[in-house]
Amino acid sequence: MFTDKAHIIVSGGHGGDGCLSFRREKYVEMGGPDGGNGGRGGDVWLEVDPHKTTLADFAYRPHFKAGSALSGHSANKTGRSGEDLVIRLPPGTMVYREGKLVCDLKNPGERFLAAHGGRGGRGNASFKTSTNTAPRIAEKGETGESAELDLELKLLADVGLVGFPNAGKSTLLSRITKAHPKIADYPFTTLSPNLGVAHVGERSFVVADIPGLIEGAHQGKGLGDEFLRHVERTRVLIHLVDVSGWDGKSAYQNFCAVNKELGAYSERLLQKPQVVAATKMDLTDAEKKRTVFARRLKKTRVHAISAVTGLGLAPLLAAVLKALDKAPDADLFVPAPSALYRLEPDFWVEKEGELFRVRGKGVERLVAMTNFDQDEAIARLQKIFRKMGVEKTLEQKGIAAGDLVAIGDYEFTYKPEPPRRR
């Protein structure tokens, strides 16, 4: 099954908890704290795999999570880090996050970091100082980052075959490449794009066979609107026209109708070089019909071909190579470096009814990694918040004793610090 769109949810692994431990050995004086740090959670990577051609793997498995880390141990042993998760995608996959394009994966082996793993919590050995030689505090591991991603596949091909149904696109692809698309004598035989590699002498190029277009394809009629995106990144188009006409219309009328659909979908498609080929020249009166068709196109050369007998294929491929030499490279997304970097404040306070919510990555991380079963850890968190100015900002927002404060997934009852005696 060919699938060119998918929605996935990726999550980095959780970091391991730090260890609270003291070295106690019979003949060792002043053992001190020896709790090790937790390991780091695994990251989620997206990687281009040239052997993948569809996003069908994600149709029934949308959730992906990297390995979580282990907690630290006594004797200053760091917990084992979680394993990274690598999600393999076909070349040409565009990745969107919150509706914004974040990367365009095209080259084999190219990678994109989709979700960071959580940081490991520090053990009590990391909190030892000259004034606190026996800290009873250890951090919890950080939760891994989560993200919802939309994947969209746009095939990377040098040449795209376009035309109305039954124009002979699949037959031509099977003749000039080793691809084996389904071929039959009825319209809409091709239900999904097919790729093949054409070899001409010492050169080669990738050809994409796109399902047949009909009038109104850009508005969702037929199959065209689902697959027109796959010709957006081709460099040259081979426009195949059945000289006998189709659907009661002449070859010229069908030629104009296909170009109209291409332009309605994207003006850039009309700007691509087109090599026009009149197909099925092995049929009776085909040459006479080709002459009439070519006369309407005036200066555009019309190649007479028969994919069944091989007539005219060599000149057609030579013309394609010539067009490729002049055509610009495919238009691929390259993230532009931002000239202005908007610095997010350390924290900010929002009032939600009777609740005061403190937001900010820094404060939310501190709360998430604090072990509230440890009095010393709570005292440390309060001290850090005072230095950051969280308590002062809450007072400026009008907080009073007994009001609720929310930070991340935690809620606290506000209790102001008593004034210090001089």
Protein backbone atom coordinates (compact mmCIF):
# COMPACT_ATOMS: atom_id res chain seq x y z
CA MET A 1 0.00 0.00 0.00
CA PHE A 2 1.36 3.41 -1.00
CA THR A 3 0.96 5.99 1.77
CA ASP A 4 2.39 9.49 1.42
CA LYS A 5 1.01 11.15 4.57
CA ALA A 6 1.28 10.15 8.22
CA HIS A 7 0.84 11.61 11.71
CA ILE A 8 3.16 10.32 14.44
CA ILE A 9 3.86 11.09 18.09
CA VAL A 10 7.47 10.78 19.25
CA SER A 11 8.77 10.84 22.82
CA GLY A 12 12.29 10.90 24.15
CA GLY A 13 13.20 8.49 26.94
CA HIS A 14 12.99 9.54 30.58
CA GLY A 15 16.17 10.34 32.44
CA GLY A 16 17.15 8.13 35.38
CA ASP A 17 16.77 9.29 39.00
CA GLY A 18 19.80 10.30 40.99
CA CYS A 19 20.77 8.10 43.95
CA LEU A 20 20.76 9.13 47.61
CA SER A 21 23.44 7.04 49.27
CA PHE A 22 26.27 7.24 51.82
CA ARG A 23 29.40 5.14 51.87
CA ARG A 24 29.45 3.05 55.03
CA GLU A 25 32.32 0.61 55.38
CA LYS A 26 33.75 -0.70 58.59
CA TYR A 27 37.36 0.37 58.05
CA VAL A 28 36.76 3.47 55.91
CA GLU A 29 36.63 6.77 57.80
CA MET A 30 34.41 9.63 56.64
CA GLY A 31 32.81 7.70 53.79
CA GLY A 32 30.54 10.54 52.76
CA PRO A 33 27.89 10.70 50.04
CA ASP A 34 28.36 8.35 47.09
CA GLY A 35 25.03 8.47 45.23
CA GLY A 36 25.57 8.37 41.45
CA ASN A 37 23.72 10.27 38.75
CA GLY A 38 20.92 8.84 36.66
CA GLY A 39 21.52 8.09 32.98
CA ARG A 40 20.27 10.24 30.13
CA GLY A 41 17.11 9.22 28.26
CA GLY A 42 17.39 8.16 24.63
CA ASP A 43 16.75 10.58 21.77
CA VAL A 44 14.38 10.04 18.83
CA TRP A 45 15.99 10.47 15.41
CA LEU A 46 14.47 10.54 11.92
CA GLU A 47 16.79 9.06 9.30
CA VAL A 48 16.58 8.71 5.53
CA ASP A 49 16.55 5.11 4.32
CA PRO A 50 16.93 4.81 0.51
CA HIS A 51 15.18 1.42 0.62
CA LYS A 52 11.94 2.97 1.90
CA THR A 53 9.44 4.26 -0.67
CA THR A 54 6.27 4.84 1.35
CA LEU A 55 4.99 5.94 4.78
CA ALA A 56 2.77 2.88 5.12
CA ASP A 57 4.74 1.68 8.17
CA PHE A 58 3.20 4.51 10.22
CA ALA A 59 -0.44 3.94 9.29
CA TYR A 60 -1.09 1.59 12.23
CA ARG A 61 1.79 2.50 14.53
CA PRO A 62 1.77 6.22 15.28
CA HIS A 63 3.52 6.19 18.68
CA PHE A 64 7.31 5.99 19.05
CA LYS A 65 9.33 6.26 22.27
CA ALA A 66 13.05 6.03 22.88
CA GLY A 67 14.51 3.98 25.73
CA SER A 68 14.41 5.33 29.27
CA ALA A 69 17.53 5.46 31.41
CA LEU A 70 18.29 3.65 34.66
CA SER A 71 18.73 5.32 38.04
CA GLY A 72 22.10 5.99 39.58
CA HIS A 73 23.59 3.64 42.20
CA SER A 74 25.75 3.84 45.25
CA ALA A 75 29.55 3.90 44.91
CA ASN A 76 29.15 6.82 42.47
CA LYS A 77 27.81 4.57 39.73
CA THR A 78 25.96 6.37 36.94
CA GLY A 79 22.82 4.70 35.62
CA ARG A 80 22.84 3.31 32.10
CA SER A 81 21.56 5.74 29.48
CA GLY A 82 18.49 4.92 27.40
CA GLU A 83 18.89 3.71 23.84
CA ASP A 84 18.23 6.13 21.01
CA LEU A 85 15.34 5.33 18.66
CA VAL A 86 15.92 5.72 14.92
CA ILE A 87 12.81 6.04 12.72
CA ARG A 88 13.63 5.31 9.08
CA LEU A 89 11.86 7.36 6.41
CA PRO A 90 11.93 7.38 2.60
CA PRO A 91 13.88 10.09 0.76
CA GLY A 92 11.76 13.16 0.11
CA THR A 93 9.92 13.14 3.45
CA MET A 94 8.97 16.57 4.73
CA VAL A 95 8.44 16.90 8.49
CA TYR A 96 5.98 19.41 9.97
CA ARG A 97 5.61 20.40 13.62
CA GLU A 98 2.62 22.52 14.64
CA GLY A 99 2.00 23.23 10.96
CA LYS A 100 5.54 24.52 10.34
CA LEU A 101 8.06 22.75 8.09
CA VAL A 102 11.06 21.83 10.25
CA CYS A 103 13.09 19.62 7.92
CA ASP A 104 13.20 18.10 4.45
CA LEU A 105 14.88 14.70 4.54
CA LYS A 106 16.31 13.83 1.14
CA ASN A 107 19.84 12.37 1.22
CA PRO A 108 20.51 8.76 2.35
CA GLY A 109 21.69 8.69 5.96
CA GLU A 110 20.54 12.26 6.67
CA ARG A 111 19.25 12.68 10.23
CA PHE A 112 16.98 14.99 12.21
CA LEU A 113 16.64 15.07 16.01
CA ALA A 114 12.88 14.85 16.57
CA ALA A 115 12.72 14.56 20.39
CA HIS A 116 15.36 14.97 23.08
CA GLY A 117 15.76 12.45 25.86
CA GLY A 118 15.38 13.61 29.45
CA ARG A 119 18.41 14.63 31.49
CA GLY A 120 19.48 12.30 34.27
CA GLY A 121 18.96 13.43 37.85
CA ARG A 122 22.01 14.14 40.00
CA GLY A 123 22.86 11.94 42.95
CA ASN A 124 23.73 13.32 46.37
CA ALA A 125 27.47 13.05 45.64
CA SER A 126 27.05 15.90 43.15
CA PHE A 127 25.63 18.19 45.88
CA LYS A 128 28.54 17.82 48.29
CA THR A 129 30.16 21.14 49.16
CA SER A 130 32.57 22.41 51.78
CA THR A 131 29.63 23.66 53.83
CA ASN A 132 27.33 20.70 53.19
CA THR A 133 29.41 17.56 53.41
CA ALA A 134 26.48 15.18 53.86
CA PRO A 135 23.69 16.32 51.51
CA ARG A 136 20.46 14.36 51.69
CA ILE A 137 19.21 15.36 48.29
CA ALA A 138 18.96 13.69 44.91
CA GLU A 139 17.17 14.82 41.75
CA LYS A 140 14.54 12.93 39.80
CA GLY A 141 15.15 12.20 36.15
CA GLU A 142 13.75 14.64 33.59
CA THR A 143 10.82 13.58 31.42
CA GLY A 144 11.70 13.12 27.76
CA GLU A 145 10.50 15.64 25.18
CA SER A 146 7.34 14.76 23.23
CA ALA A 147 6.24 16.06 19.84
CA GLU A 148 3.48 15.47 17.30
CA LEU A 149 4.81 15.37 13.75
CA ASP A 150 3.10 15.36 10.38
CA LEU A 151 5.01 13.53 7.65
CA GLU A 152 4.45 14.21 3.97
CA LEU A 153 6.26 12.33 1.24
CA LYS A 154 7.14 14.06 -2.01
CA LEU A 155 8.98 11.66 -4.26
CA LEU A 156 12.44 12.76 -5.38
CA ALA A 157 12.66 12.02 -9.10
CA ASP A 158 14.41 13.70 -12.02
CA VAL A 159 11.59 13.09 -14.49
CA GLY A 160 7.83 12.87 -13.98
CA LEU A 161 5.40 11.22 -16.41
CA VAL A 162 2.10 13.12 -16.69
CA GLY A 163 -0.96 12.71 -18.87
CA PHE A 164 -4.55 11.55 -18.96
CA PRO A 165 -5.44 7.94 -18.00
CA ASN A 166 -4.54 5.35 -20.63
CA ALA A 167 -1.87 7.62 -22.16
CA GLY A 168 0.70 4.84 -21.78
CA LYS A 169 2.70 6.14 -18.82
CA SER A 170 3.08 2.79 -17.07
CA THR A 171 3.99 1.03 -20.33
CA LEU A 172 6.68 3.62 -21.02
CA LEU A 173 8.07 3.31 -17.48
CA SER A 174 8.30 -0.48 -17.82
CA ARG A 175 10.05 -0.10 -21.19
CA ILE A 176 12.76 2.42 -20.23
CA THR A 177 13.37 1.14 -16.67
CA LYS A 178 13.26 -2.15 -14.78
CA ALA A 179 10.12 -1.13 -12.89
CA HIS A 180 7.10 -3.44 -13.13
CA PRO A 181 3.97 -1.29 -12.75
CA LYS A 182 0.53 -2.79 -13.28
CA ILE A 183 -0.50 -2.40 -16.95
CA ALA A 184 -4.03 -2.93 -18.30
CA ASP A 185 -6.25 -1.66 -21.10
CA TYR A 186 -8.57 0.36 -18.82
CA PRO A 187 -8.21 3.81 -17.22
CA PHE A 188 -6.86 4.35 -13.70
CA THR A 189 -4.80 1.16 -13.76
CA THR A 190 -2.10 3.04 -11.82
CA LEU A 191 -3.36 3.81 -8.31
CA SER A 192 -0.08 4.99 -6.80
CA PRO A 193 3.19 6.53 -8.04
CA ASN A 194 5.84 4.16 -9.36
CA LEU A 195 9.57 4.82 -9.54
CA GLY A 196 12.16 3.46 -11.92
CA VAL A 197 15.73 4.25 -13.01
CA ALA A 198 16.37 4.82 -16.72
CA HIS A 199 19.89 4.18 -18.08
CA VAL A 200 21.03 5.98 -21.20
CA GLY A 201 24.63 5.15 -22.03
CA GLU A 202 26.71 6.00 -18.97
CA ARG A 203 24.04 8.27 -17.53
CA SER A 204 20.90 7.52 -15.53
CA PHE A 205 17.92 9.36 -14.09
CA VAL A 206 14.96 8.53 -11.84
CA VAL A 207 11.50 8.47 -13.44
CA ALA A 208 8.20 8.77 -11.53
CA ASP A 209 4.95 7.49 -13.06
CA ILE A 210 2.08 9.57 -11.63
CA PRO A 211 -1.53 8.25 -11.72
CA GLY A 212 -3.55 9.67 -14.61
CA LEU A 213 -5.06 13.13 -14.30
CA ILE A 214 -8.59 14.16 -15.24
CA GLU A 215 -10.20 17.56 -15.44
CA GLY A 216 -10.79 18.93 -11.95
CA ALA A 217 -7.93 16.88 -10.46
CA HIS A 218 -6.63 19.91 -8.52
CA GLN A 219 -10.07 20.12 -6.84
CA GLY A 220 -10.02 16.50 -5.70
CA LYS A 221 -11.53 14.71 -8.70
CA GLY A 222 -10.03 11.36 -9.59
CA LEU A 223 -6.63 10.52 -8.10
CA GLY A 224 -4.63 13.47 -9.37
CA ASP A 225 -4.84 15.82 -6.40
CA GLU A 226 -3.43 13.14 -4.11
CA PHE A 227 -0.33 12.67 -6.26
CA LEU A 228 0.30 15.99 -7.99
CA ARG A 229 2.61 16.85 -5.11
CA HIS A 230 4.98 14.14 -6.33
CA VAL A 231 5.75 16.02 -9.55
CA GLU A 232 6.48 19.26 -7.67
CA ARG A 233 10.07 18.19 -7.07
CA THR A 234 10.79 16.65 -10.48
CA ARG A 235 13.05 18.65 -12.78
CA VAL A 236 11.56 17.68 -16.16
CA LEU A 237 8.11 16.45 -17.18
CA ILE A 238 7.37 14.01 -20.00
CA HIS A 239 3.86 14.90 -21.16
CA LEU A 240 2.33 11.82 -22.78
CA VAL A 241 -0.60 12.36 -25.12
CA ASP A 242 -2.68 9.62 -26.74
CA VAL A 243 -2.97 10.79 -30.38
CA SER A 244 -6.36 9.08 -30.63
CA GLY A 245 -7.74 11.32 -27.87
CA TRP A 246 -9.52 10.31 -24.67
CA ASP A 247 -12.95 10.80 -23.17
CA GLY A 248 -14.39 12.17 -26.40
CA LYS A 249 -11.76 14.91 -26.75
CA SER A 250 -8.90 15.39 -29.19
CA ALA A 251 -5.23 14.98 -28.34
CA TYR A 252 -4.75 18.76 -28.32
CA GLN A 253 -7.72 19.34 -26.02
CA ASN A 254 -6.39 16.74 -23.59
CA PHE A 255 -2.90 18.27 -23.74
CA CYS A 256 -4.31 21.69 -22.81
CA ALA A 257 -6.52 20.20 -20.07
CA VAL A 258 -3.58 18.50 -18.34
CA ASN A 259 -1.52 21.69 -18.40
CA LYS A 260 -4.49 23.57 -16.98
CA GLU A 261 -4.66 21.12 -14.07
CA LEU A 262 -0.91 21.43 -13.46
CA GLY A 263 -1.15 25.22 -13.37
CA ALA A 264 -4.23 25.19 -11.14
CA TYR A 265 -2.38 23.05 -8.61
CA SER A 266 0.84 25.09 -8.73
CA GLU A 267 2.18 27.66 -11.19
CA ARG A 268 5.64 26.21 -10.66
CA LEU A 269 4.57 23.00 -12.39
CA LEU A 270 3.95 24.91 -15.62
CA GLN A 271 7.44 26.41 -15.40
CA LYS A 272 9.09 23.00 -15.55
CA PRO A 273 10.53 21.91 -18.92
CA GLN A 274 8.16 19.57 -20.79
CA VAL A 275 9.11 16.94 -23.35
CA VAL A 276 5.93 16.17 -25.31
CA ALA A 277 5.42 12.64 -26.62
CA ALA A 278 2.61 11.37 -28.84
CA THR A 279 1.98 7.78 -27.76
CA LYS A 280 0.56 4.61 -29.34
CA MET A 281 2.09 5.37 -32.74
CA ASP A 282 1.82 1.68 -33.63
CA LEU A 283 -1.97 2.06 -34.15
CA THR A 284 -3.71 2.69 -37.47
CA ASP A 285 -3.82 6.34 -38.66
CA ALA A 286 -1.63 7.37 -35.70
CA GLU A 287 0.81 9.34 -37.88
CA LYS A 288 -1.99 11.37 -39.44
CA LYS A 289 -3.37 12.23 -36.01
CA ARG A 290 0.10 13.09 -34.70
CA THR A 291 0.59 15.52 -37.57
CA VAL A 292 -2.67 17.28 -36.72
CA PHE A 293 -1.68 17.44 -33.06
CA ALA A 294 1.85 18.69 -33.77
CA ARG A 295 0.51 21.40 -36.07
CA ARG A 296 -1.52 22.83 -33.17
CA LEU A 297 1.56 23.02 -30.92
CA LYS A 298 3.52 24.95 -33.59
CA LYS A 299 7.08 25.42 -32.25
CA THR A 300 6.96 22.59 -29.65
CA ARG A 301 8.54 19.36 -30.87
CA VAL A 302 6.28 16.32 -30.56
CA HIS A 303 8.12 12.99 -30.24
CA ALA A 304 6.35 10.09 -31.93
CA ILE A 305 6.75 6.98 -29.74
CA SER A 306 5.36 3.54 -29.19
CA ALA A 307 6.23 2.02 -25.85
CA VAL A 308 5.04 -1.36 -27.16
CA THR A 309 7.34 -1.53 -30.22
CA GLY A 310 10.09 0.78 -28.96
CA LEU A 311 9.57 3.31 -31.76
CA GLY A 312 11.11 6.71 -31.00
CA LEU A 313 12.27 5.89 -27.46
CA ALA A 314 15.95 6.64 -28.13
CA PRO A 315 15.30 10.20 -29.45
CA LEU A 316 12.86 10.77 -26.59
CA LEU A 317 15.43 9.82 -23.92
CA ALA A 318 18.07 11.94 -25.66
CA ALA A 319 15.72 14.92 -25.49
CA VAL A 320 15.07 14.22 -21.79
CA LEU A 321 18.82 14.21 -21.04
CA LYS A 322 19.23 17.49 -22.91
CA ALA A 323 16.37 19.01 -20.87
CA LEU A 324 17.89 17.74 -17.61
CA ASP A 325 21.21 19.39 -18.46
CA LYS A 326 19.47 22.77 -18.67
CA ALA A 327 16.90 22.31 -15.88
CA PRO A 328 17.57 23.78 -12.43
CA ASP A 329 17.97 21.54 -9.41
CA ALA A 330 14.87 20.42 -7.54
CA ASP A 331 13.41 23.02 -5.19
CA LEU A 332 14.15 21.63 -1.74
CA PHE A 333 13.51 23.16 1.66
CA VAL A 334 16.56 24.60 3.42
CA PRO A 335 15.99 26.08 6.90
CA ALA A 336 17.01 29.74 6.80
CA PRO A 337 19.03 30.99 9.78
CA SER A 338 17.03 33.52 11.72
CA ALA A 339 18.50 37.00 11.93
CA LEU A 340 16.67 37.74 15.17
CA TYR A 341 16.53 35.34 18.08
CA ARG A 342 13.62 35.89 20.43
CA LEU A 343 14.86 35.09 23.90
CA GLU A 344 12.23 33.47 26.07
CA PRO A 345 12.22 34.78 29.65
CA ASP A 346 13.27 32.45 32.46
CA PHE A 347 9.70 32.42 33.71
CA TRP A 348 6.44 34.36 33.63
CA VAL A 349 3.27 34.30 35.72
CA GLU A 350 -0.27 34.02 34.38
CA LYS A 351 -3.44 34.22 36.47
CA GLU A 352 -6.05 31.58 35.64
CA GLY A 353 -9.07 32.43 37.76
CA GLU A 354 -7.98 31.93 41.36
CA LEU A 355 -4.87 30.02 40.28
CA PHE A 356 -1.44 31.57 39.69
CA ARG A 357 0.45 29.59 37.02
CA VAL A 358 4.21 29.97 36.66
CA ARG A 359 5.45 29.05 33.19
CA GLY A 360 8.93 28.62 31.73
CA LYS A 361 11.14 25.71 30.75
CA GLY A 362 13.63 26.40 33.51
CA VAL A 363 11.18 26.50 36.43
CA GLU A 364 9.13 23.59 35.08
CA ARG A 365 12.27 21.46 34.76
CA LEU A 366 13.34 22.34 38.32
CA VAL A 367 9.98 21.28 39.72
CA ALA A 368 9.81 18.09 37.67
CA MET A 369 13.27 16.99 38.85
CA THR A 370 12.70 17.83 42.54
CA ASN A 371 11.98 14.94 44.91
CA PHE A 372 9.35 16.33 47.25
CA ASP A 373 9.89 13.47 49.71
CA GLN A 374 13.19 15.13 50.68
CA ASP A 375 13.01 18.20 52.92
CA GLU A 376 16.42 19.36 51.79
CA ALA A 377 15.34 19.17 48.13
CA ILE A 378 12.28 21.31 48.87
CA ALA A 379 14.38 23.89 50.72
CA ARG A 380 16.81 24.01 47.77
CA LEU A 381 13.96 24.58 45.31
CA GLN A 382 12.55 27.44 47.42
CA LYS A 383 16.00 29.03 47.63
CA ILE A 384 16.47 28.88 43.86
CA PHE A 385 13.03 30.36 43.25
CA ARG A 386 13.76 33.25 45.63
CA LYS A 387 17.01 34.00 43.78
CA MET A 388 15.19 33.88 40.42
CA GLY A 389 12.56 36.30 41.70
CA VAL A 390 9.58 33.95 41.41
CA GLU A 391 8.20 34.87 44.83
CA LYS A 392 8.61 38.59 44.15
CA THR A 393 6.81 38.31 40.81
CA LEU A 394 3.94 36.41 42.42
CA GLU A 395 3.55 39.19 44.99
CA GLN A 396 3.46 41.77 42.20
CA LYS A 397 0.61 39.78 40.61
CA GLY A 398 -1.35 40.08 43.87
CA ILE A 399 -0.91 36.63 45.40
CA ALA A 400 -1.91 36.12 49.02
CA ALA A 401 -1.20 33.43 51.61
CA GLY A 402 -3.24 30.30 50.91
CA ASP A 403 -3.59 30.91 47.14
CA LEU A 404 -2.76 28.08 44.77
CA VAL A 405 0.37 28.18 42.59
CA ALA A 406 0.80 25.76 39.65
CA ILE A 407 4.13 24.93 38.03
CA GLY A 408 4.11 22.17 35.42
CA ASP A 409 2.11 19.23 36.76
CA TYR A 410 2.39 20.34 40.40
CA GLU A 411 0.24 22.63 42.55
CA PHE A 412 1.38 24.34 45.76
CA THR A 413 -0.26 26.42 48.45
CA TYR A 414 1.52 29.77 48.67
CA LYS A 415 3.11 30.50 52.02
CA PRO A 416 5.17 33.69 52.09
CA GLU A 417 8.55 33.64 53.76
CA PRO A 418 8.41 35.31 57.19
CA PRO A 419 10.35 38.57 57.44
CA ARG A 420 13.89 38.16 58.69
CA ARG A 421 14.90 39.70 62.02
CA ARG A 422 17.63 42.29 61.97
